[in-house]
């Protein structure tokens, strides 16, 4: 799901179903996290949630480091509660804990998950298009703070 709202048409088309977090953790082989960091998602995944996962499952976090309580993830990985983890983000970035670095069941990236040629090219094009629009006095397509713009 890319949205909080249920999409029965998409579920039917993909043979998928919307479930609660606990069911998702218990039944999935791979969990890939793509969430903003908010009060609700801070430490959303802790030791108890990780222990719901299958022993042969893998969790991947490319969202925000603090969505997973890192010390709990380290504990679960040391205890082999899950098979492994892939991290592109860390709770205390830019620091990566020595404990995480010492584990053989985690893959660590230096927060460059989006660093593909295609992604970086598209980012450059979007930035240039926004700049040109702003210089022409037009509303940029992607603006973080549109409330400061006059119509």
N, C-alpha and C. Protein backbone atom coordinates (compact mmCIF):
# COMPACT_ATOMS: atom_id res chain seq x y z
N UNK A 1 0.82 -1.19 0.00
CA UNK A 1 0.00 0.00 0.00
C UNK A 1 0.86 1.25 0.00
N UNK A 2 0.44 2.22 -0.73
CA UNK A 2 1.11 3.51 -0.78
C UNK A 2 0.22 4.56 -0.13
N UNK A 3 -0.92 4.15 0.38
CA UNK A 3 -1.92 5.07 0.88
C UNK A 3 -2.56 4.44 2.12
N UNK A 4 -3.04 5.26 3.02
CA UNK A 4 -3.70 4.73 4.22
C UNK A 4 -5.08 4.17 3.91
N UNK A 5 -5.67 4.62 2.82
CA UNK A 5 -7.02 4.19 2.46
C UNK A 5 -6.96 2.87 1.70
N UNK A 6 -7.91 2.03 2.01
CA UNK A 6 -8.00 0.73 1.34
C UNK A 6 -8.38 0.92 -0.12
N UNK A 7 -7.78 0.10 -0.98
CA UNK A 7 -8.06 0.15 -2.41
C UNK A 7 -8.41 -1.27 -2.86
N UNK A 8 -9.70 -1.58 -2.81
CA UNK A 8 -10.14 -2.94 -3.12
C UNK A 8 -9.88 -3.32 -4.58
N UNK A 9 -9.93 -2.36 -5.48
CA UNK A 9 -9.66 -2.64 -6.90
C UNK A 9 -8.20 -3.09 -7.04
N UNK A 10 -7.29 -2.36 -6.42
CA UNK A 10 -5.87 -2.72 -6.48
C UNK A 10 -5.62 -4.06 -5.79
N UNK A 11 -6.27 -4.29 -4.66
CA UNK A 11 -6.13 -5.57 -3.97
C UNK A 11 -6.53 -6.72 -4.88
N UNK A 12 -7.65 -6.57 -5.55
CA UNK A 12 -8.14 -7.62 -6.46
C UNK A 12 -7.16 -7.84 -7.61
N UNK A 13 -6.70 -6.75 -8.19
CA UNK A 13 -5.79 -6.82 -9.33
C UNK A 13 -4.47 -7.50 -8.95
N UNK A 14 -3.95 -7.20 -7.76
CA UNK A 14 -2.64 -7.72 -7.35
C UNK A 14 -2.73 -8.98 -6.49
N UNK A 15 -3.93 -9.37 -6.13
CA UNK A 15 -4.06 -10.51 -5.22
C UNK A 15 -3.52 -10.16 -3.84
N UNK A 16 -3.73 -8.93 -3.45
CA UNK A 16 -3.21 -8.43 -2.16
C UNK A 16 -4.37 -8.18 -1.21
N UNK A 17 -4.03 -7.91 0.04
CA UNK A 17 -5.05 -7.53 1.02
C UNK A 17 -4.44 -6.60 2.04
N UNK A 18 -5.25 -5.65 2.49
CA UNK A 18 -4.80 -4.72 3.52
C UNK A 18 -4.94 -5.40 4.87
N UNK A 19 -3.86 -5.32 5.68
CA UNK A 19 -3.87 -5.95 7.00
C UNK A 19 -3.30 -4.98 8.02
N UNK A 20 -3.48 -5.29 9.30
CA UNK A 20 -2.88 -4.47 10.33
C UNK A 20 -1.38 -4.77 10.43
N UNK A 21 -0.67 -3.92 11.14
CA UNK A 21 0.79 -4.04 11.21
C UNK A 21 1.23 -5.38 11.78
N UNK A 22 0.58 -5.84 12.82
CA UNK A 22 0.98 -7.11 13.44
C UNK A 22 0.84 -8.28 12.46
N UNK A 23 -0.25 -8.30 11.72
CA UNK A 23 -0.45 -9.36 10.72
C UNK A 23 0.61 -9.25 9.63
N UNK A 24 0.88 -8.05 9.19
CA UNK A 24 1.90 -7.84 8.17
C UNK A 24 3.25 -8.39 8.64
N UNK A 25 3.62 -8.08 9.87
CA UNK A 25 4.90 -8.54 10.40
C UNK A 25 4.93 -10.06 10.53
N UNK A 26 3.85 -10.66 11.01
CA UNK A 26 3.81 -12.12 11.21
C UNK A 26 3.85 -12.90 9.90
N UNK A 27 3.25 -12.36 8.85
CA UNK A 27 3.06 -13.14 7.62
C UNK A 27 4.05 -12.83 6.50
N UNK A 28 4.78 -11.75 6.59
CA UNK A 28 5.64 -11.33 5.48
C UNK A 28 7.04 -11.93 5.56
N UNK A 29 7.60 -12.21 4.40
CA UNK A 29 8.99 -12.66 4.31
C UNK A 29 9.93 -11.47 4.27
N UNK A 30 9.49 -10.39 3.63
CA UNK A 30 10.27 -9.17 3.52
C UNK A 30 9.40 -7.99 3.95
N UNK A 31 9.96 -7.12 4.76
CA UNK A 31 9.29 -5.88 5.15
C UNK A 31 10.17 -4.75 4.64
N UNK A 32 9.61 -3.88 3.81
CA UNK A 32 10.35 -2.73 3.30
C UNK A 32 9.63 -1.48 3.79
N UNK A 33 10.32 -0.69 4.59
CA UNK A 33 9.70 0.46 5.25
C UNK A 33 9.89 1.73 4.42
N UNK A 34 8.76 2.41 4.16
CA UNK A 34 8.76 3.66 3.40
C UNK A 34 7.77 4.61 4.08
N UNK A 35 8.17 5.17 5.21
CA UNK A 35 7.29 6.02 6.01
C UNK A 35 7.98 7.32 6.36
N UNK A 36 7.21 8.39 6.53
CA UNK A 36 7.81 9.60 7.09
C UNK A 36 8.03 9.38 8.59
N UNK A 37 8.92 10.14 9.19
CA UNK A 37 9.12 10.07 10.63
C UNK A 37 8.19 11.07 11.28
N UNK A 38 7.23 10.57 12.04
CA UNK A 38 6.26 11.40 12.75
C UNK A 38 6.18 10.91 14.19
N UNK A 39 5.38 11.59 15.00
CA UNK A 39 5.18 11.10 16.37
C UNK A 39 4.63 9.68 16.36
N UNK A 40 3.78 9.39 15.39
CA UNK A 40 3.15 8.07 15.31
C UNK A 40 4.11 6.99 14.81
N UNK A 41 5.07 7.36 13.98
CA UNK A 41 5.96 6.34 13.41
C UNK A 41 7.30 6.24 14.14
N UNK A 42 7.60 7.17 15.05
CA UNK A 42 8.86 7.10 15.80
C UNK A 42 8.89 5.81 16.61
N UNK A 43 9.92 4.99 16.38
CA UNK A 43 10.09 3.68 17.05
C UNK A 43 8.88 2.78 16.83
N UNK A 44 8.23 2.92 15.68
CA UNK A 44 7.10 2.06 15.34
C UNK A 44 7.50 0.59 15.40
N UNK A 45 8.72 0.30 14.94
CA UNK A 45 9.22 -1.07 14.97
C UNK A 45 10.20 -1.20 16.13
N UNK A 46 9.79 -1.95 17.14
CA UNK A 46 10.63 -2.17 18.31
C UNK A 46 10.86 -3.68 18.47
N UNK A 47 11.49 -4.06 19.56
CA UNK A 47 11.83 -5.47 19.77
C UNK A 47 10.60 -6.37 19.70
N UNK A 48 9.53 -5.99 20.37
CA UNK A 48 8.33 -6.83 20.37
C UNK A 48 7.77 -7.01 18.97
N UNK A 49 7.78 -5.93 18.18
CA UNK A 49 7.27 -6.03 16.81
C UNK A 49 8.20 -6.92 15.97
N UNK A 50 9.51 -6.77 16.15
CA UNK A 50 10.45 -7.60 15.40
C UNK A 50 10.25 -9.07 15.74
N UNK A 51 9.97 -9.35 17.00
CA UNK A 51 9.77 -10.74 17.43
C UNK A 51 8.52 -11.37 16.83
N UNK A 52 7.61 -10.55 16.30
CA UNK A 52 6.44 -11.09 15.61
C UNK A 52 6.82 -11.65 14.24
N UNK A 53 7.93 -11.18 13.71
CA UNK A 53 8.34 -11.55 12.36
C UNK A 53 8.83 -13.00 12.30
N UNK A 54 8.77 -13.57 11.10
CA UNK A 54 9.29 -14.92 10.89
C UNK A 54 10.81 -14.92 11.11
N UNK A 55 11.34 -16.04 11.57
CA UNK A 55 12.79 -16.13 11.81
C UNK A 55 13.60 -16.00 10.53
N UNK A 56 12.99 -16.32 9.39
CA UNK A 56 13.73 -16.23 8.13
C UNK A 56 13.37 -14.96 7.34
N UNK A 57 12.78 -13.98 8.01
CA UNK A 57 12.38 -12.75 7.32
C UNK A 57 13.48 -11.70 7.35
N UNK A 58 13.32 -10.72 6.48
CA UNK A 58 14.28 -9.62 6.36
C UNK A 58 13.51 -8.31 6.42
N UNK A 59 14.06 -7.35 7.15
CA UNK A 59 13.47 -6.02 7.22
C UNK A 59 14.43 -5.03 6.57
N UNK A 60 13.87 -4.14 5.74
CA UNK A 60 14.65 -3.14 5.03
C UNK A 60 14.09 -1.77 5.39
N UNK A 61 14.97 -0.85 5.77
CA UNK A 61 14.53 0.51 6.09
C UNK A 61 15.28 1.51 5.22
N UNK A 62 14.54 2.13 4.30
CA UNK A 62 15.09 3.21 3.49
C UNK A 62 14.33 4.50 3.78
N UNK A 63 13.54 4.50 4.84
CA UNK A 63 12.69 5.64 5.16
C UNK A 63 13.43 6.63 6.06
N UNK A 64 13.26 6.48 7.34
CA UNK A 64 13.92 7.30 8.35
C UNK A 64 14.40 6.36 9.44
N UNK A 65 15.60 6.61 9.93
CA UNK A 65 16.23 5.70 10.89
C UNK A 65 15.42 5.44 12.13
N UNK A 66 14.82 6.47 12.69
CA UNK A 66 14.12 6.33 13.97
C UNK A 66 12.76 5.65 13.86
N UNK A 67 12.35 5.24 12.66
CA UNK A 67 11.14 4.42 12.54
C UNK A 67 11.38 3.07 13.22
N UNK A 68 12.62 2.59 13.17
CA UNK A 68 13.00 1.37 13.87
C UNK A 68 13.80 1.77 15.11
N UNK A 69 13.46 1.21 16.24
CA UNK A 69 14.24 1.44 17.46
C UNK A 69 15.53 0.64 17.30
N UNK A 70 16.61 1.34 16.99
CA UNK A 70 17.84 0.69 16.55
C UNK A 70 18.42 -0.28 17.57
N UNK A 71 18.41 0.09 18.84
CA UNK A 71 18.98 -0.83 19.84
C UNK A 71 18.17 -2.12 19.91
N UNK A 72 16.87 -2.04 19.66
CA UNK A 72 16.03 -3.24 19.64
C UNK A 72 16.32 -4.08 18.41
N UNK A 73 16.57 -3.42 17.28
CA UNK A 73 16.93 -4.16 16.07
C UNK A 73 18.25 -4.89 16.28
N UNK A 74 19.23 -4.21 16.86
CA UNK A 74 20.53 -4.84 17.14
C UNK A 74 20.33 -6.07 18.01
N UNK A 75 19.55 -5.92 19.06
CA UNK A 75 19.29 -7.06 19.97
C UNK A 75 18.66 -8.22 19.21
N UNK A 76 17.64 -7.93 18.41
CA UNK A 76 16.94 -8.98 17.66
C UNK A 76 17.86 -9.66 16.65
N UNK A 77 18.72 -8.88 16.01
CA UNK A 77 19.66 -9.46 15.04
C UNK A 77 20.69 -10.33 15.75
N UNK A 78 21.18 -9.88 16.89
CA UNK A 78 22.14 -10.68 17.66
C UNK A 78 21.52 -12.00 18.11
N UNK A 79 20.25 -11.94 18.49
CA UNK A 79 19.55 -13.13 18.97
C UNK A 79 18.99 -13.97 17.81
N UNK A 80 19.21 -13.53 16.58
CA UNK A 80 18.73 -14.22 15.38
C UNK A 80 17.21 -14.38 15.38
N UNK A 81 16.51 -13.37 15.89
CA UNK A 81 15.04 -13.39 15.87
C UNK A 81 14.52 -13.29 14.44
N UNK A 82 15.29 -12.60 13.58
CA UNK A 82 14.98 -12.54 12.15
C UNK A 82 16.27 -12.87 11.39
N UNK A 83 16.12 -13.14 10.10
CA UNK A 83 17.29 -13.52 9.30
C UNK A 83 18.25 -12.36 9.11
N UNK A 84 17.69 -11.17 8.84
CA UNK A 84 18.59 -10.06 8.59
C UNK A 84 17.88 -8.74 8.37
N UNK A 85 18.70 -7.72 8.12
CA UNK A 85 18.18 -6.37 7.89
C UNK A 85 19.04 -5.68 6.84
N UNK A 86 18.42 -4.75 6.14
CA UNK A 86 19.11 -3.87 5.21
C UNK A 86 18.76 -2.45 5.58
N UNK A 87 19.77 -1.64 5.84
CA UNK A 87 19.53 -0.27 6.30
C UNK A 87 20.25 0.74 5.42
N UNK A 88 19.52 1.77 5.03
CA UNK A 88 20.08 2.90 4.31
C UNK A 88 19.98 4.16 5.17
N UNK A 89 19.33 4.02 6.31
CA UNK A 89 19.12 5.13 7.25
C UNK A 89 19.35 4.62 8.66
N UNK A 90 19.72 5.54 9.55
CA UNK A 90 20.09 5.15 10.91
C UNK A 90 19.48 6.11 11.91
N UNK A 91 19.24 5.60 13.10
CA UNK A 91 18.56 6.41 14.11
C UNK A 91 19.35 7.66 14.46
N UNK A 92 20.66 7.58 14.49
CA UNK A 92 21.48 8.73 14.89
C UNK A 92 22.41 9.17 13.75
N UNK A 93 21.84 9.28 12.56
CA UNK A 93 22.65 9.70 11.40
C UNK A 93 23.33 11.02 11.69
N UNK A 94 24.55 11.17 11.22
CA UNK A 94 25.26 10.30 10.30
C UNK A 94 26.01 9.15 10.98
N UNK A 95 25.92 9.06 12.29
CA UNK A 95 26.62 7.99 13.02
C UNK A 95 25.94 6.65 12.77
N UNK A 96 26.75 5.63 12.63
CA UNK A 96 26.26 4.26 12.54
C UNK A 96 26.88 3.53 13.72
N UNK A 97 26.04 2.90 14.53
CA UNK A 97 26.54 2.27 15.75
C UNK A 97 27.54 1.16 15.44
N UNK A 98 28.52 1.05 16.30
CA UNK A 98 29.54 0.01 16.15
C UNK A 98 28.90 -1.37 16.23
N UNK A 99 27.86 -1.50 17.06
CA UNK A 99 27.17 -2.79 17.17
C UNK A 99 26.57 -3.21 15.83
N UNK A 100 25.93 -2.27 15.14
CA UNK A 100 25.38 -2.59 13.82
C UNK A 100 26.49 -3.00 12.86
N UNK A 101 27.57 -2.26 12.88
CA UNK A 101 28.69 -2.55 11.97
C UNK A 101 29.29 -3.93 12.22
N UNK A 102 29.17 -4.42 13.44
CA UNK A 102 29.81 -5.70 13.79
C UNK A 102 28.97 -6.92 13.41
N UNK A 103 27.72 -6.72 13.04
CA UNK A 103 26.82 -7.84 12.78
C UNK A 103 27.02 -8.40 11.37
N UNK A 104 26.89 -9.71 11.26
CA UNK A 104 27.04 -10.36 9.95
C UNK A 104 25.70 -10.58 9.24
N UNK A 105 24.62 -10.15 9.87
CA UNK A 105 23.30 -10.36 9.26
C UNK A 105 22.59 -9.03 8.97
N UNK A 106 23.39 -8.02 8.67
CA UNK A 106 22.84 -6.72 8.28
C UNK A 106 23.69 -6.14 7.15
N UNK A 107 23.01 -5.52 6.19
CA UNK A 107 23.69 -4.81 5.11
C UNK A 107 23.46 -3.32 5.35
N UNK A 108 24.55 -2.56 5.38
CA UNK A 108 24.49 -1.13 5.68
C UNK A 108 24.90 -0.31 4.46
N UNK A 109 24.10 0.68 4.13
CA UNK A 109 24.43 1.62 3.06
C UNK A 109 24.55 3.02 3.65
N UNK A 110 25.36 3.88 3.05
CA UNK A 110 25.56 5.23 3.59
C UNK A 110 24.51 6.24 3.13
N UNK A 111 23.24 5.90 3.30
CA UNK A 111 22.12 6.77 2.95
C UNK A 111 22.22 7.23 1.49
N UNK A 112 22.44 6.27 0.61
CA UNK A 112 22.52 6.59 -0.81
C UNK A 112 21.60 5.70 -1.63
N UNK A 113 20.55 5.22 -1.00
CA UNK A 113 19.64 4.32 -1.69
C UNK A 113 19.03 4.91 -2.95
N UNK A 114 18.94 6.24 -3.00
CA UNK A 114 18.36 6.88 -4.19
C UNK A 114 19.42 7.26 -5.21
N UNK A 115 20.65 6.89 -4.98
CA UNK A 115 21.75 7.36 -5.83
C UNK A 115 21.93 6.51 -7.08
N UNK A 116 20.86 6.39 -7.85
CA UNK A 116 20.99 5.75 -9.16
C UNK A 116 21.11 6.85 -10.20
N UNK A 117 21.65 6.54 -11.33
CA UNK A 117 21.79 7.53 -12.40
C UNK A 117 20.42 8.08 -12.78
N UNK A 118 19.43 7.20 -12.90
CA UNK A 118 18.09 7.62 -13.30
C UNK A 118 17.47 8.57 -12.27
N UNK A 119 17.59 8.21 -11.00
CA UNK A 119 16.99 9.04 -9.95
C UNK A 119 17.67 10.40 -9.88
N UNK A 120 18.98 10.40 -9.88
CA UNK A 120 19.71 11.67 -9.78
C UNK A 120 19.48 12.55 -11.01
N UNK A 121 19.36 11.95 -12.18
CA UNK A 121 19.07 12.72 -13.39
C UNK A 121 17.69 13.36 -13.28
N UNK A 122 16.70 12.57 -12.85
CA UNK A 122 15.35 13.10 -12.69
C UNK A 122 15.31 14.21 -11.63
N UNK A 123 16.05 14.04 -10.54
CA UNK A 123 16.11 15.07 -9.50
C UNK A 123 16.68 16.37 -10.07
N UNK A 124 17.72 16.27 -10.88
CA UNK A 124 18.34 17.45 -11.49
C UNK A 124 17.37 18.15 -12.44
N UNK A 125 16.66 17.36 -13.25
CA UNK A 125 15.69 17.93 -14.19
C UNK A 125 14.57 18.64 -13.43
N UNK A 126 14.03 18.00 -12.39
CA UNK A 126 12.96 18.63 -11.60
C UNK A 126 13.43 19.92 -10.95
N UNK A 127 14.65 19.91 -10.41
CA UNK A 127 15.18 21.11 -9.77
C UNK A 127 15.34 22.24 -10.80
N UNK A 128 15.85 21.91 -11.98
CA UNK A 128 16.03 22.91 -13.03
C UNK A 128 14.68 23.46 -13.49
N UNK A 129 13.70 22.58 -13.67
CA UNK A 129 12.36 23.03 -14.09
C UNK A 129 11.76 23.95 -13.04
N UNK A 130 11.90 23.60 -11.76
CA UNK A 130 11.39 24.46 -10.69
C UNK A 130 12.07 25.83 -10.72
N UNK A 131 13.37 25.84 -10.91
CA UNK A 131 14.12 27.09 -10.94
C UNK A 131 13.67 27.97 -12.10
N UNK A 132 13.52 27.40 -13.27
CA UNK A 132 13.08 28.16 -14.44
C UNK A 132 11.69 28.75 -14.19
N UNK A 133 10.78 27.95 -13.66
CA UNK A 133 9.43 28.45 -13.37
C UNK A 133 9.48 29.61 -12.38
N UNK A 134 10.27 29.46 -11.32
CA UNK A 134 10.37 30.52 -10.31
C UNK A 134 10.95 31.79 -10.92
N UNK A 135 11.97 31.67 -11.76
CA UNK A 135 12.57 32.84 -12.39
C UNK A 135 11.61 33.53 -13.35
N UNK A 136 10.66 32.79 -13.91
CA UNK A 136 9.65 33.35 -14.81
C UNK A 136 8.46 33.92 -14.02
N UNK A 137 8.52 33.79 -12.70
CA UNK A 137 7.41 34.28 -11.88
C UNK A 137 6.25 33.31 -11.81
N UNK A 138 6.48 32.09 -12.24
CA UNK A 138 5.44 31.06 -12.20
C UNK A 138 5.58 30.22 -10.93
N UNK A 139 4.51 29.52 -10.59
CA UNK A 139 4.54 28.65 -9.41
C UNK A 139 5.33 27.38 -9.74
N UNK A 140 6.38 27.10 -8.97
CA UNK A 140 7.14 25.86 -9.19
C UNK A 140 6.25 24.63 -9.00
N UNK A 141 6.53 23.60 -9.76
CA UNK A 141 5.74 22.37 -9.69
C UNK A 141 5.85 21.73 -8.31
N UNK A 142 7.04 21.71 -7.76
CA UNK A 142 7.27 21.13 -6.44
C UNK A 142 7.81 22.21 -5.52
N UNK A 143 7.01 22.59 -4.56
CA UNK A 143 7.40 23.65 -3.63
C UNK A 143 7.13 23.17 -2.21
N UNK A 144 8.14 23.25 -1.37
CA UNK A 144 8.02 22.78 0.01
C UNK A 144 7.12 23.69 0.83
N UNK A 145 7.17 24.98 0.56
CA UNK A 145 6.40 25.94 1.34
C UNK A 145 5.55 26.85 0.44
N UNK A 146 4.54 26.30 -0.22
CA UNK A 146 3.74 27.09 -1.17
C UNK A 146 2.99 28.25 -0.52
N UNK A 147 2.82 28.21 0.79
CA UNK A 147 2.09 29.28 1.47
C UNK A 147 2.80 30.62 1.38
N UNK A 148 4.10 30.64 1.09
CA UNK A 148 4.83 31.91 0.99
C UNK A 148 4.71 32.53 -0.39
N UNK A 149 4.17 31.79 -1.34
CA UNK A 149 4.03 32.31 -2.70
C UNK A 149 2.74 33.10 -2.84
N UNK A 150 2.82 34.17 -3.60
CA UNK A 150 1.62 34.95 -3.90
C UNK A 150 1.05 34.44 -5.21
N UNK A 151 -0.27 34.32 -5.26
CA UNK A 151 -0.90 33.84 -6.51
C UNK A 151 -0.95 34.91 -7.56
